[in-house]
Amino acid sequence: MQPTSDTTKNNIQLIANRLGFSDCKIARVKRATHADRYLDWVEQGCAGEMVWLERNKDKRVHPGQVLQGAQSIITLAFNYFPGSQADDSDYKIARYAWNEDYHDLIEEKLKDFDLALADMGGKQRYYVDTGPILERDFASDAGLGWNGKSTVQIHREFGTWFFICELITTLAIQPDNPLPDHCGKCTRCIDNCPTQAITGPREMDARRCISYLTIEHAGAIPIELRCLMGDRIYGCDVCLEVCPWNKFAKLSRETKLHARMSIFDHKLRDFLNMDSNSFRKTFAKSPIKRIKYNRFIRNVCVAIGNTGTTDDIELLKPYATGDDPLIAEHAQWAISELQNKSN
């Protein structure tokens, strides 16, 4: 199949812009550049409990296995930067979770994109974090930024604060050219990782990552890592925050991703007065709801153990003797930490 005309490619990029995407580049369908590295990473157990990364390996390493007749991958960036967190907040939440769940928001846009491409004669599969595709490889192939030493994708115009999503399509579209690596000698992301989860340039042990521990990990957080989590109760932005390319960051045009007051009008200790019903109400439409109540309270207990005072011990005691063993263990740990600080 011959590549589409420049006019068709321009139209595709115009559609992306009208739907609110920040950038749109094209990669060709092929075996992923770092397929072998991904396979080795999974084999070494670095994915932790993220077992879905071990499934559909053939599809992950080659998008042609996802969609018969696939020719191109439309790679898209969606800027989500919501600004800075209020200085008086005593807990941290990853910026992407400050308001509505981006999956729901972006999937609606991808559905509209799919319909437009179908009118051009294409068949598509589209994903935002949810599909069997090594998306950063193809984003880099297409020149949608480059993969930084933290493994996070970096864009020259808006730094690290963007989601990657893609449409695998049967349309043969002229691919874009990759960008050179602009990280240079900088190692800020590696040097500043609180848990040393970034073990080398573009090497990540997810089992040590605070984002993994507070979100994907279902069990007890390793004791040796709890003190390193500080006041973070959902995700971690450190390796993004320290990236010098974020001096170019621009506030997202999508207000549904800006900070929602109902998420930040609390003090950390207030969450210990929250039952499962109020948790669901507070974090309705938020990605935070995905970790469910017990994992959230687990995270809160760790943060209070790190940053609280002895005044918080009475609030922790009911959890320490409660029916949920996961919460109880972390509440007991937090009480012990606070008592040790007072001695």
Protein backbone atom coordinates (compact mmCIF):
# COMPACT_ATOMS: atom_id res chain seq x y z
CA MET A 1 0.00 0.00 0.00
CA GLN A 2 1.34 3.43 -0.93
CA PRO A 3 1.64 6.07 1.78
CA THR A 4 -1.17 8.58 1.98
CA SER A 5 -0.68 12.03 0.51
CA ASP A 6 0.72 14.95 2.50
CA THR A 7 -2.79 16.42 2.47
CA THR A 8 -4.21 13.37 4.22
CA LYS A 9 -1.43 13.44 6.81
CA ASN A 10 -2.04 17.14 7.39
CA ASN A 11 -5.74 16.42 7.85
CA ILE A 12 -4.92 13.77 10.43
CA GLN A 13 -2.79 16.24 12.35
CA LEU A 14 -5.57 18.85 12.14
CA ILE A 15 -8.04 16.33 13.58
CA ALA A 16 -5.63 15.65 16.44
CA ASN A 17 -5.36 19.35 17.19
CA ARG A 18 -9.12 19.89 17.09
CA LEU A 19 -9.63 17.02 19.52
CA GLY A 20 -7.26 18.68 21.97
CA PHE A 21 -4.12 16.63 21.48
CA SER A 22 -0.90 18.56 21.95
CA ASP A 23 1.14 16.82 19.27
CA CYS A 24 0.67 14.15 16.61
CA LYS A 25 3.40 12.13 14.94
CA ILE A 26 3.51 9.00 12.80
CA ALA A 27 5.56 5.82 13.20
CA ARG A 28 5.57 2.80 10.95
CA VAL A 29 4.50 -0.61 12.19
CA LYS A 30 7.51 -2.81 12.94
CA ARG A 31 9.04 -4.78 15.77
CA ALA A 32 9.57 -2.45 18.73
CA THR A 33 13.05 -0.98 18.96
CA HIS A 34 13.57 -2.16 22.53
CA ALA A 35 11.60 -5.39 22.28
CA ASP A 36 14.45 -7.54 23.58
CA ARG A 37 15.10 -5.15 26.45
CA TYR A 38 11.43 -5.35 27.47
CA LEU A 39 11.48 -9.16 27.33
CA ASP A 40 14.60 -9.28 29.50
CA TRP A 41 13.09 -6.78 31.96
CA VAL A 42 9.98 -8.90 32.41
CA GLU A 43 12.07 -12.06 32.71
CA GLN A 44 14.08 -10.47 35.53
CA GLY A 45 10.87 -9.81 37.49
CA CYS A 46 11.23 -6.02 37.40
CA ALA A 47 7.51 -5.60 36.60
CA GLY A 48 6.60 -6.76 40.09
CA GLU A 49 2.88 -7.53 40.38
CA MET A 50 2.04 -5.89 37.05
CA VAL A 51 1.35 -9.27 35.50
CA TRP A 52 -0.41 -7.77 32.48
CA LEU A 53 3.00 -6.66 31.24
CA GLU A 54 3.88 -10.34 30.94
CA ARG A 55 0.86 -11.14 28.79
CA ASN A 56 0.55 -10.81 25.02
CA LYS A 57 4.29 -10.48 24.57
CA ASP A 58 4.07 -11.08 20.81
CA LYS A 59 1.59 -8.23 20.46
CA ARG A 60 3.60 -5.90 22.67
CA VAL A 61 6.75 -6.29 20.65
CA HIS A 62 5.01 -6.01 17.25
CA PRO A 63 1.79 -3.98 16.72
CA GLY A 64 1.21 -5.91 13.50
CA GLN A 65 0.06 -8.73 15.80
CA VAL A 66 -2.61 -6.45 17.27
CA LEU A 67 -4.33 -5.45 14.03
CA GLN A 68 -4.19 -7.40 10.80
CA GLY A 69 -2.97 -5.22 7.97
CA ALA A 70 -1.64 -2.50 10.28
CA GLN A 71 0.66 -0.07 8.49
CA SER A 72 1.11 2.96 10.73
CA ILE A 73 0.91 4.12 14.33
CA ILE A 74 -0.47 7.57 15.01
CA THR A 75 1.25 8.59 18.24
CA LEU A 76 -0.34 11.38 20.23
CA ALA A 77 0.69 13.56 23.14
CA PHE A 78 -1.87 15.01 25.54
CA ASN A 79 -0.52 17.71 27.84
CA TYR A 80 -1.93 17.33 31.36
CA PHE A 81 0.21 19.79 33.34
CA PRO A 82 -2.11 21.27 36.02
CA GLY A 83 0.38 23.68 37.60
CA SER A 84 1.83 23.46 41.10
CA GLN A 85 0.32 22.03 44.27
CA ALA A 86 -0.67 24.43 47.03
CA ASP A 87 2.14 25.01 49.52
CA ASP A 88 -0.13 24.36 52.53
CA SER A 89 -0.98 20.81 51.48
CA ASP A 90 0.63 18.20 53.76
CA TYR A 91 0.41 15.29 51.31
CA LYS A 92 1.33 14.74 47.68
CA ILE A 93 -0.63 13.20 44.83
CA ALA A 94 0.80 12.71 41.34
CA ARG A 95 -0.33 15.56 39.13
CA TYR A 96 -2.11 13.37 36.59
CA ALA A 97 -4.57 12.37 39.34
CA TRP A 98 -5.57 15.84 40.51
CA ASN A 99 -8.98 15.68 38.89
CA GLU A 100 -10.82 13.36 36.48
CA ASP A 101 -9.55 10.01 35.23
CA TYR A 102 -7.64 10.70 32.04
CA HIS A 103 -8.51 7.28 30.62
CA ASP A 104 -12.18 8.22 30.37
CA LEU A 105 -11.43 11.67 29.01
CA ILE A 106 -8.95 10.61 26.31
CA GLU A 107 -10.75 7.44 25.23
CA GLU A 108 -13.72 9.56 24.15
CA LYS A 109 -11.40 11.64 21.99
CA LEU A 110 -9.81 8.51 20.52
CA LYS A 111 -13.26 7.17 19.62
CA ASP A 112 -13.91 10.33 17.61
CA PHE A 113 -10.47 10.05 16.00
CA ASP A 114 -11.21 6.44 15.06
CA LEU A 115 -14.44 7.47 13.34
CA ALA A 116 -12.63 10.14 11.33
CA LEU A 117 -9.98 7.65 10.21
CA ALA A 118 -12.65 5.11 9.29
CA ASP A 119 -14.07 7.70 6.90
CA MET A 120 -10.64 7.72 5.26
CA GLY A 121 -10.80 3.96 4.84
CA GLY A 122 -8.76 2.94 7.86
CA LYS A 123 -9.31 0.29 10.49
CA GLN A 124 -7.89 1.07 13.92
CA ARG A 125 -7.11 -0.07 17.44
CA TYR A 126 -6.57 2.74 19.91
CA TYR A 127 -5.15 2.85 23.43
CA VAL A 128 -4.22 5.15 26.27
CA ASP A 129 -2.04 3.11 28.66
CA THR A 130 -4.32 0.12 28.24
CA GLY A 131 -3.12 -1.79 25.19
CA PRO A 132 -0.41 -4.32 24.38
CA ILE A 133 2.03 -1.91 22.79
CA LEU A 134 5.43 -0.53 23.80
CA GLU A 135 4.17 2.99 23.26
CA ARG A 136 7.32 4.89 24.21
CA ASP A 137 9.32 3.02 21.58
CA PHE A 138 6.96 4.13 18.84
CA ALA A 139 6.61 7.64 20.24
CA SER A 140 10.40 7.93 20.03
CA ASP A 141 10.44 6.45 16.53
CA ALA A 142 7.96 9.10 15.45
CA GLY A 143 9.80 12.03 17.03
CA LEU A 144 7.15 12.50 19.72
CA GLY A 145 9.87 13.50 22.14
CA TRP A 146 12.55 11.06 23.29
CA ASN A 147 12.81 8.56 26.10
CA GLY A 148 14.54 10.12 29.08
CA LYS A 149 16.91 8.48 31.53
CA SER A 150 14.00 8.08 33.95
CA THR A 151 12.22 6.02 31.23
CA VAL A 152 9.65 8.86 31.05
CA GLN A 153 9.09 10.41 27.63
CA ILE A 154 10.27 14.02 27.26
CA HIS A 155 8.91 16.61 24.81
CA ARG A 156 10.82 19.74 23.84
CA GLU A 157 7.72 21.94 24.08
CA PHE A 158 6.07 20.73 27.32
CA GLY A 159 8.62 18.63 29.13
CA THR A 160 7.46 15.45 30.86
CA TRP A 161 3.84 16.36 31.62
CA PHE A 162 1.96 14.50 28.92
CA PHE A 163 0.15 11.25 28.26
CA ILE A 164 1.06 9.10 25.29
CA CYS A 165 -1.75 7.45 23.35
CA GLU A 166 -1.93 5.89 19.92
CA LEU A 167 -4.04 4.57 17.10
CA ILE A 168 -2.70 1.57 15.23
CA THR A 169 -4.16 1.89 11.73
CA THR A 170 -4.25 0.13 8.38
CA LEU A 171 -3.67 3.49 6.68
CA ALA A 172 -0.17 3.79 5.24
CA ILE A 173 0.93 7.24 6.41
CA GLN A 174 4.34 8.77 5.77
CA PRO A 175 6.28 8.34 9.04
CA ASP A 176 8.02 11.16 10.87
CA ASN A 177 11.67 11.14 11.85
CA PRO A 178 12.95 10.43 15.37
CA LEU A 179 14.59 13.12 17.46
CA PRO A 180 18.06 12.82 18.96
CA ASP A 181 18.43 12.23 22.69
CA HIS A 182 18.54 15.62 24.40
CA CYS A 183 19.23 14.40 27.95
CA GLY A 184 22.96 14.89 27.51
CA LYS A 185 24.96 14.36 30.70
CA CYS A 186 22.03 15.24 32.98
CA THR A 187 21.24 12.63 35.65
CA ARG A 188 18.85 14.61 37.86
CA CYS A 189 16.07 12.03 37.59
CA ILE A 190 18.42 9.22 38.65
CA ASP A 191 20.06 11.23 41.44
CA ASN A 192 16.78 12.43 42.95
CA CYS A 193 14.67 9.25 42.87
CA PRO A 194 13.68 8.79 46.55
CA THR A 195 13.88 4.99 46.43
CA GLN A 196 16.63 4.60 43.81
CA ALA A 197 14.15 2.84 41.55
CA ILE A 198 15.96 4.24 38.48
CA THR A 199 18.91 1.88 38.55
CA GLY A 200 20.66 3.38 35.52
CA PRO A 201 19.90 5.41 32.39
CA ARG A 202 16.55 4.09 31.12
CA GLU A 203 16.59 1.27 33.64
CA MET A 204 13.69 1.05 36.07
CA ASP A 205 13.00 -1.46 38.82
CA ALA A 206 9.26 -0.95 39.26
CA ARG A 207 9.34 -2.85 42.54
CA ARG A 208 11.09 0.13 44.17
CA CYS A 209 9.11 2.90 42.46
CA ILE A 210 6.78 4.92 44.69
CA SER A 211 4.19 5.10 41.92
CA TYR A 212 4.19 1.31 41.73
CA LEU A 213 4.16 0.87 45.52
CA THR A 214 1.26 3.27 46.12
CA ILE A 215 -0.86 2.28 43.12
CA GLU A 216 -0.09 -1.07 41.51
CA HIS A 217 1.25 -2.99 44.51
CA ALA A 218 -1.60 -4.70 46.36
CA GLY A 219 0.27 -6.01 49.39
CA ALA A 220 2.40 -4.68 52.19
CA ILE A 221 4.92 -2.00 51.25
CA PRO A 222 8.45 -3.20 52.04
CA ILE A 223 9.48 -1.80 55.42
CA GLU A 224 12.81 -0.51 54.12
CA LEU A 225 11.02 1.66 51.54
CA ARG A 226 8.28 3.14 53.73
CA CYS A 227 10.35 5.95 55.22
CA LEU A 228 11.51 6.93 51.74
CA MET A 229 7.94 7.56 50.57
CA GLY A 230 7.59 10.71 52.64
CA ASP A 231 4.16 12.35 52.32
CA ARG A 232 3.26 10.74 48.99
CA ILE A 233 -0.10 8.96 49.10
CA TYR A 234 -0.69 8.37 45.38
CA GLY A 235 2.10 8.22 42.85
CA CYS A 236 5.32 10.20 42.68
CA ASP A 237 6.37 13.06 40.41
CA VAL A 238 9.97 13.52 41.55
CA CYS A 239 11.70 12.28 38.39
CA LEU A 240 9.37 14.49 36.35
CA GLU A 241 9.69 17.56 38.56
CA VAL A 242 13.49 17.66 38.45
CA CYS A 243 13.73 17.37 34.66
CA PRO A 244 15.17 20.65 33.29
CA TRP A 245 13.03 20.35 30.17
CA ASN A 246 10.00 21.23 32.31
CA LYS A 247 11.03 24.88 32.15
CA PHE A 248 9.01 24.82 28.92
CA ALA A 249 5.92 23.25 30.56
CA LYS A 250 2.61 24.85 29.66
CA LEU A 251 -0.66 24.64 31.58
CA SER A 252 -2.98 22.05 30.06
CA ARG A 253 -5.87 23.37 27.99
CA GLU A 254 -8.06 20.64 29.52
CA THR A 255 -9.60 22.08 32.70
CA LYS A 256 -10.92 18.64 33.72
CA LEU A 257 -7.30 17.79 34.58
CA HIS A 258 -6.67 20.88 36.72
CA ALA A 259 -6.70 20.51 40.52
CA ARG A 260 -10.09 19.67 42.01
CA MET A 261 -10.71 21.28 45.38
CA SER A 262 -12.46 18.23 46.83
CA ILE A 263 -9.16 16.34 46.54
CA PHE A 264 -7.03 19.02 48.21
CA ASP A 265 -9.32 20.60 50.80
CA HIS A 266 -8.21 18.05 53.41
CA LYS A 267 -5.35 17.60 55.80
CA LEU A 268 -3.59 14.25 55.69
CA ARG A 269 -5.05 13.16 59.03
CA ASP A 270 -8.58 13.89 57.74
CA PHE A 271 -8.34 10.81 55.52
CA LEU A 272 -8.28 8.63 58.66
CA ASN A 273 -11.86 9.78 59.32
CA MET A 274 -12.90 8.66 55.86
CA ASP A 275 -14.88 5.44 55.42
CA SER A 276 -15.19 3.50 52.17
CA ASN A 277 -18.35 5.37 51.13
CA SER A 278 -16.83 8.82 51.62
CA PHE A 279 -13.69 7.60 49.82
CA ARG A 280 -15.75 6.68 46.77
CA LYS A 281 -17.61 9.99 46.90
CA THR A 282 -14.48 12.12 47.32
CA PHE A 283 -12.59 10.40 44.51
CA ALA A 284 -15.47 9.84 42.11
CA LYS A 285 -14.22 10.14 38.51
CA SER A 286 -10.64 10.28 39.83
CA PRO A 287 -8.01 7.65 38.96
CA ILE A 288 -7.40 7.39 42.72
CA LYS A 289 -10.61 5.38 43.06
CA ARG A 290 -8.93 2.54 41.17
CA ILE A 291 -6.71 1.56 44.10
CA LYS A 292 -9.75 1.16 46.34
CA TYR A 293 -10.17 2.16 49.97
CA ASN A 294 -7.82 -0.23 51.78
CA ARG A 295 -4.79 0.53 49.61
CA PHE A 296 -5.47 4.25 49.95
CA ILE A 297 -5.61 4.07 53.76
CA ARG A 298 -2.46 1.92 53.70
CA ASN A 299 -0.71 4.77 51.87
CA VAL A 300 -2.10 7.38 54.26
CA CYS A 301 -0.82 5.40 57.25
CA VAL A 302 2.69 5.34 55.78
CA ALA A 303 2.62 9.08 55.07
CA ILE A 304 1.42 9.85 58.61
CA GLY A 305 4.12 7.58 60.02
CA ASN A 306 6.64 9.68 58.11
CA THR A 307 5.26 13.18 58.69
CA GLY A 308 2.71 13.05 61.52
CA THR A 309 2.89 13.71 65.25
CA THR A 310 1.88 11.80 68.37
CA ASP A 311 -1.51 13.52 68.09
CA ASP A 312 -2.22 11.18 65.18
CA ILE A 313 -1.75 8.00 67.21
CA GLU A 314 -5.32 7.97 68.54
CA LEU A 315 -6.64 8.22 64.98
CA LEU A 316 -4.43 5.32 63.90
CA LYS A 317 -5.34 2.96 66.75
CA PRO A 318 -8.72 1.78 65.37
CA TYR A 319 -7.02 0.85 62.11
CA ALA A 320 -4.19 -0.92 63.93
CA THR A 321 -6.69 -3.27 65.57
CA GLY A 322 -9.16 -3.40 62.67
CA ASP A 323 -10.28 -6.29 60.51
CA ASP A 324 -8.23 -5.39 57.43
CA PRO A 325 -4.77 -6.95 57.89
CA LEU A 326 -3.17 -4.76 55.22
CA ILE A 327 -4.29 -1.54 56.88
CA ALA A 328 -3.59 -2.88 60.37
CA GLU A 329 0.04 -3.66 59.58
CA HIS A 330 0.75 -0.19 58.21
CA ALA A 331 -1.17 1.56 60.99
CA GLN A 332 0.87 -0.37 63.58
CA TRP A 333 4.05 0.62 61.77
CA ALA A 334 2.98 4.28 61.71
CA ILE A 335 2.21 4.26 65.44
CA SER A 336 5.61 2.76 66.17
CA GLU A 337 7.32 5.40 64.02
CA LEU A 338 5.50 8.25 65.76
CA GLN A 339 6.28 6.85 69.20
CA ASN A 340 9.94 6.52 68.32
CA LYS A 341 10.05 10.14 67.19
CA SER A 342 8.65 11.30 70.53
CA ASN A 343 11.27 9.42 72.57
